[in-house]
N, C-alpha and C. Protein backbone atom coordinates (compact mmCIF):
# COMPACT_ATOMS: atom_id res chain seq x y z
N MET A 1 -1.23 -32.19 -78.21
CA MET A 1 -0.03 -31.87 -77.44
C MET A 1 -0.24 -32.21 -75.97
N ALA A 2 -1.44 -31.91 -75.44
CA ALA A 2 -1.71 -32.19 -74.02
C ALA A 2 -1.67 -33.68 -73.76
N ASP A 3 -2.15 -34.49 -74.73
CA ASP A 3 -2.11 -35.94 -74.56
C ASP A 3 -0.67 -36.45 -74.50
N ALA A 4 0.20 -35.87 -75.32
CA ALA A 4 1.61 -36.27 -75.30
C ALA A 4 2.24 -35.89 -73.97
N ASN A 5 1.91 -34.69 -73.47
CA ASN A 5 2.44 -34.27 -72.17
C ASN A 5 1.96 -35.20 -71.07
N ALA A 6 0.71 -35.62 -71.13
CA ALA A 6 0.17 -36.55 -70.13
C ALA A 6 0.90 -37.88 -70.21
N GLY A 7 1.22 -38.30 -71.41
CA GLY A 7 1.98 -39.55 -71.58
C GLY A 7 3.36 -39.45 -70.96
N TYR A 8 4.01 -38.32 -71.16
CA TYR A 8 5.32 -38.12 -70.54
C TYR A 8 5.19 -38.06 -69.01
N ALA A 9 4.14 -37.41 -68.52
CA ALA A 9 3.91 -37.32 -67.08
C ALA A 9 3.72 -38.71 -66.49
N GLU A 10 2.97 -39.56 -67.18
CA GLU A 10 2.77 -40.93 -66.71
C GLU A 10 4.09 -41.70 -66.70
N ALA A 11 4.91 -41.48 -67.72
CA ALA A 11 6.21 -42.14 -67.77
C ALA A 11 7.11 -41.67 -66.63
N LEU A 12 7.10 -40.37 -66.35
CA LEU A 12 7.88 -39.84 -65.23
C LEU A 12 7.45 -40.48 -63.92
N LEU A 13 6.14 -40.60 -63.72
CA LEU A 13 5.62 -41.19 -62.49
C LEU A 13 6.03 -42.65 -62.38
N ALA A 14 5.94 -43.39 -63.47
CA ALA A 14 6.33 -44.80 -63.45
C ALA A 14 7.80 -44.97 -63.10
N VAL A 15 8.65 -44.15 -63.71
CA VAL A 15 10.09 -44.24 -63.43
C VAL A 15 10.38 -43.83 -61.99
N ALA A 16 9.77 -42.74 -61.54
CA ALA A 16 10.00 -42.26 -60.17
C ALA A 16 9.59 -43.32 -59.15
N ARG A 17 8.46 -43.96 -59.38
CA ARG A 17 8.02 -45.03 -58.47
C ARG A 17 8.98 -46.21 -58.51
N ALA A 18 9.41 -46.57 -59.70
CA ALA A 18 10.32 -47.71 -59.85
C ALA A 18 11.66 -47.45 -59.17
N GLU A 19 12.11 -46.21 -59.21
CA GLU A 19 13.38 -45.86 -58.57
C GLU A 19 13.25 -45.78 -57.06
N GLY A 20 12.03 -45.64 -56.55
CA GLY A 20 11.79 -45.74 -55.12
C GLY A 20 11.91 -44.47 -54.30
N ASP A 21 12.16 -43.34 -54.91
CA ASP A 21 12.27 -42.11 -54.13
C ASP A 21 11.40 -41.04 -54.77
N LEU A 22 10.09 -41.26 -54.71
CA LEU A 22 9.14 -40.39 -55.37
C LEU A 22 9.18 -38.97 -54.83
N ALA A 23 9.27 -38.82 -53.52
CA ALA A 23 9.24 -37.48 -52.91
C ALA A 23 10.41 -36.62 -53.39
N THR A 24 11.61 -37.19 -53.40
CA THR A 24 12.79 -36.45 -53.85
C THR A 24 12.68 -36.13 -55.34
N THR A 25 12.23 -37.09 -56.11
CA THR A 25 12.09 -36.88 -57.56
C THR A 25 11.10 -35.77 -57.84
N LYS A 26 9.96 -35.76 -57.13
CA LYS A 26 8.96 -34.71 -57.33
C LYS A 26 9.55 -33.34 -57.00
N SER A 27 10.21 -33.25 -55.87
CA SER A 27 10.78 -31.99 -55.43
C SER A 27 11.83 -31.48 -56.42
N GLN A 28 12.72 -32.36 -56.83
CA GLN A 28 13.79 -31.95 -57.73
C GLN A 28 13.26 -31.59 -59.11
N LEU A 29 12.29 -32.36 -59.62
CA LEU A 29 11.72 -32.03 -60.93
C LEU A 29 11.02 -30.67 -60.89
N ALA A 30 10.30 -30.39 -59.81
CA ALA A 30 9.63 -29.10 -59.68
C ALA A 30 10.66 -27.97 -59.65
N ASP A 31 11.75 -28.19 -58.91
CA ASP A 31 12.81 -27.17 -58.84
C ASP A 31 13.44 -26.94 -60.21
N VAL A 32 13.71 -28.02 -60.94
CA VAL A 32 14.32 -27.90 -62.27
C VAL A 32 13.38 -27.16 -63.22
N ALA A 33 12.11 -27.53 -63.21
CA ALA A 33 11.14 -26.87 -64.11
C ALA A 33 11.05 -25.38 -63.82
N ARG A 34 11.04 -25.01 -62.53
CA ARG A 34 11.01 -23.57 -62.16
C ARG A 34 12.28 -22.87 -62.61
N ALA A 35 13.44 -23.52 -62.38
CA ALA A 35 14.71 -22.91 -62.75
C ALA A 35 14.79 -22.68 -64.26
N VAL A 36 14.34 -23.65 -65.03
CA VAL A 36 14.36 -23.52 -66.49
C VAL A 36 13.40 -22.41 -66.92
N ALA A 37 12.21 -22.36 -66.32
CA ALA A 37 11.24 -21.32 -66.67
C ALA A 37 11.76 -19.93 -66.32
N ASP A 38 12.54 -19.83 -65.25
CA ASP A 38 13.06 -18.54 -64.81
C ASP A 38 14.28 -18.07 -65.59
N ASN A 39 14.89 -18.95 -66.37
CA ASN A 39 16.09 -18.62 -67.13
C ASN A 39 15.74 -18.68 -68.62
N SER A 40 15.46 -17.55 -69.22
CA SER A 40 14.98 -17.52 -70.61
C SER A 40 16.00 -18.09 -71.59
N GLU A 41 17.28 -17.86 -71.34
CA GLU A 41 18.30 -18.38 -72.25
C GLU A 41 18.34 -19.91 -72.20
N LEU A 42 18.31 -20.48 -70.99
CA LEU A 42 18.32 -21.93 -70.84
C LEU A 42 17.04 -22.53 -71.43
N SER A 43 15.91 -21.90 -71.15
CA SER A 43 14.63 -22.39 -71.66
C SER A 43 14.63 -22.39 -73.19
N SER A 44 15.12 -21.33 -73.77
CA SER A 44 15.18 -21.22 -75.22
C SER A 44 16.10 -22.28 -75.82
N THR A 45 17.23 -22.49 -75.19
CA THR A 45 18.20 -23.48 -75.69
C THR A 45 17.63 -24.88 -75.61
N LEU A 46 17.02 -25.23 -74.48
CA LEU A 46 16.50 -26.59 -74.31
C LEU A 46 15.29 -26.88 -75.20
N SER A 47 14.60 -25.83 -75.61
CA SER A 47 13.43 -26.04 -76.46
C SER A 47 13.73 -25.86 -77.95
N ASP A 48 14.97 -25.50 -78.29
CA ASP A 48 15.36 -25.29 -79.68
C ASP A 48 15.73 -26.62 -80.32
N ASN A 49 14.80 -27.17 -81.11
CA ASN A 49 15.03 -28.46 -81.73
C ASN A 49 16.01 -28.40 -82.91
N LEU A 50 16.47 -27.21 -83.27
CA LEU A 50 17.52 -27.09 -84.28
C LEU A 50 18.88 -27.42 -83.69
N ILE A 51 18.99 -27.33 -82.38
CA ILE A 51 20.21 -27.74 -81.68
C ILE A 51 20.15 -29.25 -81.55
N PRO A 52 21.19 -29.96 -81.94
CA PRO A 52 21.14 -31.43 -81.87
C PRO A 52 20.80 -31.93 -80.46
N ALA A 53 20.04 -33.03 -80.42
CA ALA A 53 19.59 -33.61 -79.15
C ALA A 53 20.76 -33.93 -78.24
N ALA A 54 21.87 -34.39 -78.81
CA ALA A 54 23.04 -34.74 -78.00
C ALA A 54 23.60 -33.50 -77.31
N VAL A 55 23.59 -32.37 -77.99
CA VAL A 55 24.09 -31.13 -77.40
C VAL A 55 23.15 -30.66 -76.28
N ARG A 56 21.84 -30.70 -76.54
CA ARG A 56 20.88 -30.32 -75.51
C ARG A 56 20.98 -31.26 -74.30
N GLY A 57 21.19 -32.55 -74.56
CA GLY A 57 21.36 -33.52 -73.48
C GLY A 57 22.60 -33.22 -72.66
N GLN A 58 23.67 -32.83 -73.33
CA GLN A 58 24.90 -32.50 -72.61
C GLN A 58 24.71 -31.24 -71.75
N ILE A 59 23.94 -30.30 -72.25
CA ILE A 59 23.64 -29.10 -71.47
C ILE A 59 22.89 -29.48 -70.21
N VAL A 60 21.89 -30.36 -70.34
CA VAL A 60 21.14 -30.84 -69.17
C VAL A 60 22.09 -31.49 -68.18
N ASP A 61 22.97 -32.37 -68.67
CA ASP A 61 23.93 -33.04 -67.79
C ASP A 61 24.84 -32.03 -67.08
N ASP A 62 25.34 -31.06 -67.83
CA ASP A 62 26.24 -30.06 -67.24
C ASP A 62 25.53 -29.20 -66.20
N VAL A 63 24.31 -28.76 -66.51
CA VAL A 63 23.58 -27.87 -65.60
C VAL A 63 23.14 -28.61 -64.33
N LEU A 64 22.73 -29.87 -64.48
CA LEU A 64 22.18 -30.60 -63.34
C LEU A 64 23.20 -31.46 -62.59
N ALA A 65 24.42 -31.54 -63.09
CA ALA A 65 25.43 -32.36 -62.44
C ALA A 65 25.61 -31.93 -60.99
N ASN A 66 25.60 -32.91 -60.09
CA ASN A 66 25.78 -32.70 -58.65
C ASN A 66 24.69 -31.82 -58.01
N LYS A 67 23.60 -31.57 -58.73
CA LYS A 67 22.51 -30.76 -58.18
C LYS A 67 21.23 -31.57 -58.03
N THR A 68 21.12 -32.63 -58.81
CA THR A 68 19.94 -33.49 -58.75
C THR A 68 20.38 -34.94 -58.76
N SER A 69 19.42 -35.81 -58.52
CA SER A 69 19.71 -37.25 -58.59
C SER A 69 19.93 -37.65 -60.05
N ASN A 70 20.55 -38.81 -60.23
CA ASN A 70 20.75 -39.33 -61.58
C ASN A 70 19.40 -39.56 -62.26
N THR A 71 18.41 -39.96 -61.49
CA THR A 71 17.08 -40.21 -62.04
C THR A 71 16.50 -38.93 -62.63
N VAL A 72 16.55 -37.84 -61.89
CA VAL A 72 16.00 -36.57 -62.36
C VAL A 72 16.77 -36.09 -63.58
N ARG A 73 18.08 -36.21 -63.54
CA ARG A 73 18.90 -35.79 -64.69
C ARG A 73 18.51 -36.60 -65.93
N ALA A 74 18.31 -37.90 -65.76
CA ALA A 74 17.93 -38.76 -66.89
C ALA A 74 16.53 -38.42 -67.40
N LEU A 75 15.60 -38.15 -66.49
CA LEU A 75 14.23 -37.83 -66.91
C LEU A 75 14.18 -36.50 -67.67
N VAL A 76 14.85 -35.49 -67.15
CA VAL A 76 14.88 -34.20 -67.85
C VAL A 76 15.59 -34.37 -69.19
N GLY A 77 16.68 -35.12 -69.21
CA GLY A 77 17.39 -35.38 -70.46
C GLY A 77 16.51 -36.07 -71.49
N MET A 78 15.68 -37.02 -71.03
CA MET A 78 14.78 -37.73 -71.94
C MET A 78 13.77 -36.76 -72.55
N ILE A 79 13.21 -35.88 -71.73
CA ILE A 79 12.22 -34.93 -72.22
C ILE A 79 12.84 -33.98 -73.25
N VAL A 80 14.02 -33.48 -72.93
CA VAL A 80 14.70 -32.54 -73.81
C VAL A 80 15.13 -33.23 -75.11
N ALA A 81 15.67 -34.45 -75.00
CA ALA A 81 16.11 -35.18 -76.19
C ALA A 81 14.94 -35.52 -77.11
N ALA A 82 13.76 -35.69 -76.53
CA ALA A 82 12.57 -36.01 -77.33
C ALA A 82 11.98 -34.77 -78.00
N GLY A 83 12.61 -33.61 -77.80
CA GLY A 83 12.13 -32.39 -78.42
C GLY A 83 11.01 -31.72 -77.64
N ARG A 84 10.88 -32.04 -76.36
CA ARG A 84 9.82 -31.50 -75.53
C ARG A 84 10.34 -30.51 -74.48
N GLY A 85 11.52 -29.97 -74.68
CA GLY A 85 12.09 -29.04 -73.71
C GLY A 85 11.20 -27.84 -73.46
N GLY A 86 10.48 -27.40 -74.46
CA GLY A 86 9.58 -26.26 -74.32
C GLY A 86 8.35 -26.58 -73.47
N GLN A 87 8.05 -27.86 -73.33
CA GLN A 87 6.90 -28.28 -72.52
C GLN A 87 7.32 -28.84 -71.16
N LEU A 88 8.58 -28.66 -70.78
CA LEU A 88 9.08 -29.23 -69.53
C LEU A 88 8.20 -28.83 -68.34
N GLY A 89 7.88 -27.57 -68.21
CA GLY A 89 7.06 -27.10 -67.09
C GLY A 89 5.68 -27.74 -67.09
N ASP A 90 5.06 -27.84 -68.27
CA ASP A 90 3.73 -28.45 -68.36
C ASP A 90 3.79 -29.94 -68.02
N ILE A 91 4.83 -30.61 -68.51
CA ILE A 91 4.97 -32.04 -68.24
C ILE A 91 5.19 -32.29 -66.76
N VAL A 92 6.06 -31.50 -66.14
CA VAL A 92 6.31 -31.66 -64.71
C VAL A 92 5.05 -31.32 -63.90
N GLY A 93 4.34 -30.28 -64.31
CA GLY A 93 3.08 -29.94 -63.64
C GLY A 93 2.08 -31.09 -63.72
N SER A 94 1.96 -31.69 -64.90
CA SER A 94 1.07 -32.85 -65.06
C SER A 94 1.53 -34.02 -64.21
N PHE A 95 2.83 -34.22 -64.15
CA PHE A 95 3.40 -35.28 -63.32
C PHE A 95 3.05 -35.06 -61.85
N LEU A 96 3.21 -33.83 -61.36
CA LEU A 96 2.90 -33.53 -59.96
C LEU A 96 1.42 -33.74 -59.66
N ASN A 97 0.56 -33.29 -60.57
CA ASN A 97 -0.88 -33.48 -60.39
C ASN A 97 -1.26 -34.95 -60.43
N LEU A 98 -0.67 -35.69 -61.34
CA LEU A 98 -0.94 -37.12 -61.47
C LEU A 98 -0.50 -37.87 -60.21
N SER A 99 0.66 -37.51 -59.72
CA SER A 99 1.19 -38.15 -58.51
C SER A 99 0.30 -37.85 -57.31
N ALA A 100 -0.12 -36.61 -57.17
CA ALA A 100 -1.00 -36.23 -56.06
C ALA A 100 -2.35 -36.92 -56.18
N ALA A 101 -2.90 -36.96 -57.39
CA ALA A 101 -4.19 -37.60 -57.61
C ALA A 101 -4.14 -39.09 -57.27
N ALA A 102 -3.01 -39.72 -57.54
CA ALA A 102 -2.86 -41.14 -57.20
C ALA A 102 -2.95 -41.37 -55.70
N ASP A 103 -2.61 -40.34 -54.93
CA ASP A 103 -2.70 -40.41 -53.47
C ASP A 103 -3.99 -39.79 -52.95
N GLY A 104 -4.92 -39.44 -53.86
CA GLY A 104 -6.19 -38.84 -53.46
C GLY A 104 -6.06 -37.39 -53.03
N LYS A 105 -5.06 -36.69 -53.56
CA LYS A 105 -4.81 -35.31 -53.18
C LYS A 105 -4.81 -34.39 -54.40
N SER A 106 -4.84 -33.10 -54.12
CA SER A 106 -4.65 -32.08 -55.15
C SER A 106 -3.36 -31.33 -54.83
N VAL A 107 -2.72 -30.77 -55.84
CA VAL A 107 -1.51 -29.98 -55.63
C VAL A 107 -1.91 -28.53 -55.35
N ALA A 108 -1.37 -28.00 -54.27
CA ALA A 108 -1.56 -26.60 -53.92
C ALA A 108 -0.20 -25.92 -54.05
N THR A 109 -0.09 -25.00 -54.99
CA THR A 109 1.16 -24.26 -55.17
C THR A 109 1.09 -23.03 -54.28
N VAL A 110 2.06 -22.94 -53.37
CA VAL A 110 2.07 -21.86 -52.39
C VAL A 110 3.30 -20.98 -52.63
N ARG A 111 3.04 -19.70 -52.92
CA ARG A 111 4.12 -18.73 -53.10
C ARG A 111 4.16 -17.86 -51.85
N SER A 112 5.32 -17.84 -51.20
CA SER A 112 5.48 -17.01 -50.00
C SER A 112 6.82 -16.29 -50.08
N ALA A 113 6.92 -15.19 -49.35
CA ALA A 113 8.13 -14.37 -49.38
C ALA A 113 9.30 -15.09 -48.73
N VAL A 114 9.02 -15.91 -47.74
CA VAL A 114 10.06 -16.67 -47.05
C VAL A 114 9.63 -18.12 -46.96
N ALA A 115 10.59 -19.00 -46.74
CA ALA A 115 10.28 -20.42 -46.61
C ALA A 115 9.45 -20.65 -45.36
N LEU A 116 8.43 -21.47 -45.47
CA LEU A 116 7.59 -21.80 -44.33
C LEU A 116 8.18 -22.99 -43.58
N THR A 117 8.04 -22.97 -42.26
CA THR A 117 8.51 -24.10 -41.46
C THR A 117 7.60 -25.30 -41.69
N ALA A 118 8.03 -26.46 -41.26
CA ALA A 118 7.23 -27.67 -41.40
C ALA A 118 5.90 -27.51 -40.68
N ASP A 119 5.93 -26.90 -39.49
CA ASP A 119 4.70 -26.69 -38.73
C ASP A 119 3.75 -25.76 -39.48
N GLN A 120 4.28 -24.68 -40.06
CA GLN A 120 3.45 -23.75 -40.82
C GLN A 120 2.84 -24.45 -42.04
N GLN A 121 3.64 -25.29 -42.69
CA GLN A 121 3.15 -26.02 -43.85
C GLN A 121 2.03 -26.98 -43.45
N ASN A 122 2.20 -27.67 -42.31
CA ASN A 122 1.16 -28.59 -41.84
C ASN A 122 -0.13 -27.85 -41.52
N ARG A 123 0.00 -26.69 -40.85
CA ARG A 123 -1.18 -25.89 -40.52
C ARG A 123 -1.87 -25.36 -41.78
N LEU A 124 -1.07 -24.95 -42.75
CA LEU A 124 -1.62 -24.45 -44.01
C LEU A 124 -2.36 -25.57 -44.74
N ALA A 125 -1.75 -26.74 -44.80
CA ALA A 125 -2.39 -27.89 -45.46
C ALA A 125 -3.72 -28.23 -44.78
N ALA A 126 -3.74 -28.19 -43.46
CA ALA A 126 -4.97 -28.48 -42.72
C ALA A 126 -6.04 -27.41 -43.00
N ALA A 127 -5.63 -26.15 -43.03
CA ALA A 127 -6.57 -25.06 -43.31
C ALA A 127 -7.12 -25.17 -44.74
N LEU A 128 -6.26 -25.52 -45.69
CA LEU A 128 -6.71 -25.67 -47.08
C LEU A 128 -7.67 -26.84 -47.21
N LYS A 129 -7.38 -27.92 -46.48
CA LYS A 129 -8.28 -29.08 -46.52
C LYS A 129 -9.64 -28.69 -45.96
N GLN A 130 -9.65 -27.92 -44.87
CA GLN A 130 -10.90 -27.49 -44.27
C GLN A 130 -11.68 -26.58 -45.23
N LYS A 131 -10.96 -25.69 -45.91
CA LYS A 131 -11.60 -24.73 -46.81
C LYS A 131 -12.11 -25.39 -48.09
N THR A 132 -11.32 -26.34 -48.65
CA THR A 132 -11.67 -26.94 -49.94
C THR A 132 -12.31 -28.31 -49.83
N GLY A 133 -12.12 -28.97 -48.70
CA GLY A 133 -12.63 -30.32 -48.54
C GLY A 133 -11.79 -31.38 -49.22
N VAL A 134 -10.60 -31.01 -49.67
CA VAL A 134 -9.71 -31.92 -50.39
C VAL A 134 -8.35 -31.94 -49.70
N ASP A 135 -7.78 -33.14 -49.58
CA ASP A 135 -6.40 -33.23 -49.09
C ASP A 135 -5.49 -32.57 -50.11
N VAL A 136 -4.51 -31.83 -49.63
CA VAL A 136 -3.60 -31.14 -50.55
C VAL A 136 -2.16 -31.55 -50.31
N GLU A 137 -1.41 -31.51 -51.36
CA GLU A 137 0.03 -31.71 -51.32
C GLU A 137 0.63 -30.36 -51.69
N LEU A 138 1.43 -29.79 -50.80
CA LEU A 138 1.96 -28.45 -51.01
C LEU A 138 3.20 -28.45 -51.89
N GLU A 139 3.22 -27.55 -52.84
CA GLU A 139 4.42 -27.27 -53.61
C GLU A 139 4.83 -25.86 -53.21
N MET A 140 5.92 -25.76 -52.46
CA MET A 140 6.33 -24.49 -51.89
C MET A 140 7.28 -23.75 -52.84
N ILE A 141 7.02 -22.45 -53.03
CA ILE A 141 7.87 -21.60 -53.86
C ILE A 141 8.16 -20.34 -53.06
N VAL A 142 9.44 -20.05 -52.86
CA VAL A 142 9.81 -18.80 -52.21
C VAL A 142 9.87 -17.72 -53.29
N ASP A 143 9.04 -16.70 -53.13
CA ASP A 143 8.90 -15.63 -54.11
C ASP A 143 8.91 -14.29 -53.38
N PRO A 144 10.05 -13.61 -53.33
CA PRO A 144 10.14 -12.34 -52.60
C PRO A 144 9.15 -11.28 -53.06
N SER A 145 8.63 -11.39 -54.27
CA SER A 145 7.68 -10.39 -54.75
C SER A 145 6.34 -10.47 -54.03
N VAL A 146 6.10 -11.56 -53.30
CA VAL A 146 4.86 -11.69 -52.54
C VAL A 146 4.85 -10.71 -51.38
N VAL A 147 5.99 -10.29 -50.90
CA VAL A 147 6.22 -9.34 -49.83
C VAL A 147 5.92 -9.96 -48.47
N GLY A 148 4.73 -10.43 -48.21
CA GLY A 148 4.36 -11.06 -46.95
C GLY A 148 3.12 -11.89 -47.16
N GLY A 149 2.88 -12.87 -46.31
CA GLY A 149 1.74 -13.75 -46.50
C GLY A 149 2.02 -14.79 -47.55
N ALA A 150 0.97 -15.26 -48.21
CA ALA A 150 1.13 -16.30 -49.22
C ALA A 150 0.03 -16.21 -50.26
N VAL A 151 0.34 -16.68 -51.46
CA VAL A 151 -0.64 -16.81 -52.53
C VAL A 151 -0.68 -18.29 -52.87
N THR A 152 -1.86 -18.89 -52.76
CA THR A 152 -2.02 -20.33 -52.96
C THR A 152 -2.91 -20.57 -54.17
N THR A 153 -2.47 -21.50 -55.02
CA THR A 153 -3.24 -21.88 -56.20
C THR A 153 -3.53 -23.38 -56.13
N ILE A 154 -4.81 -23.73 -56.19
CA ILE A 154 -5.23 -25.12 -56.25
C ILE A 154 -6.09 -25.25 -57.49
N GLY A 155 -5.54 -25.88 -58.52
CA GLY A 155 -6.27 -25.95 -59.79
C GLY A 155 -6.49 -24.55 -60.33
N ASP A 156 -7.75 -24.18 -60.52
CA ASP A 156 -8.09 -22.84 -61.03
C ASP A 156 -8.42 -21.85 -59.92
N THR A 157 -8.34 -22.30 -58.67
CA THR A 157 -8.69 -21.45 -57.54
C THR A 157 -7.44 -20.77 -56.98
N VAL A 158 -7.50 -19.46 -56.81
CA VAL A 158 -6.39 -18.70 -56.24
C VAL A 158 -6.86 -18.09 -54.92
N ILE A 159 -6.11 -18.37 -53.87
CA ILE A 159 -6.38 -17.79 -52.56
C ILE A 159 -5.23 -16.83 -52.27
N ASP A 160 -5.52 -15.55 -52.34
CA ASP A 160 -4.47 -14.54 -52.20
C ASP A 160 -4.50 -13.96 -50.79
N GLY A 161 -3.59 -14.40 -49.96
CA GLY A 161 -3.45 -13.89 -48.60
C GLY A 161 -2.19 -13.07 -48.45
N SER A 162 -1.76 -12.46 -49.55
CA SER A 162 -0.51 -11.70 -49.51
C SER A 162 -0.72 -10.34 -48.86
N LEU A 163 0.33 -9.83 -48.28
CA LEU A 163 0.30 -8.52 -47.65
C LEU A 163 -0.02 -7.44 -48.68
N ARG A 164 0.53 -7.58 -49.87
CA ARG A 164 0.28 -6.61 -50.93
C ARG A 164 -1.21 -6.50 -51.23
N THR A 165 -1.89 -7.63 -51.34
CA THR A 165 -3.32 -7.62 -51.62
C THR A 165 -4.11 -7.04 -50.46
N ARG A 166 -3.73 -7.38 -49.25
CA ARG A 166 -4.42 -6.83 -48.08
C ARG A 166 -4.26 -5.32 -48.01
N LEU A 167 -3.08 -4.81 -48.28
CA LEU A 167 -2.86 -3.36 -48.28
C LEU A 167 -3.67 -2.68 -49.37
N THR A 168 -3.74 -3.30 -50.54
CA THR A 168 -4.54 -2.75 -51.64
C THR A 168 -6.01 -2.70 -51.25
N GLN A 169 -6.49 -3.78 -50.61
CA GLN A 169 -7.89 -3.81 -50.18
C GLN A 169 -8.17 -2.72 -49.13
N MET A 170 -7.23 -2.53 -48.20
CA MET A 170 -7.39 -1.50 -47.19
C MET A 170 -7.41 -0.12 -47.83
N ARG A 171 -6.50 0.11 -48.80
CA ARG A 171 -6.43 1.42 -49.47
C ARG A 171 -7.73 1.69 -50.21
N GLU A 172 -8.29 0.69 -50.86
CA GLU A 172 -9.54 0.87 -51.59
C GLU A 172 -10.71 1.11 -50.63
N ALA A 173 -10.66 0.48 -49.46
CA ALA A 173 -11.72 0.66 -48.48
C ALA A 173 -11.71 2.08 -47.90
N LEU A 174 -10.51 2.65 -47.75
CA LEU A 174 -10.39 4.01 -47.22
C LEU A 174 -10.73 5.02 -48.28
């Protein structure tokens, strides 16, 4: 299954490069994968291979109309029509990692309570590079449950700088 997902990720990267707007495609695919993962009904519907592929494709078109580029809509439609709707998040994750690796970078997923400014993102990327020794490409996720600070994941490494964790550490120290 992982090999098939990698194959789809490679295909996504090839199409995104051919279409010429890799940055927008990466951003929109990540947003779509998160939105599908966060909506259990949509996720279940898109991964239900008992529903005809044409119907699942129409759902993708309806949900993504005027929200994403035609390229992203077609790529998500291809994945869902191929019966891989349940692996959409994994495929997009592999695509993001593959794209970053092609540029000599790693993907750092950053969850913060509020959106970070461009300057904050640049400073964070520089700090992560200094800490890990690897150039990083940030995938930003606004997650109000973080409360304050940020939680960063690079591969299997989690750097938890959230306010919640700091308060817990302080409480345990007292």
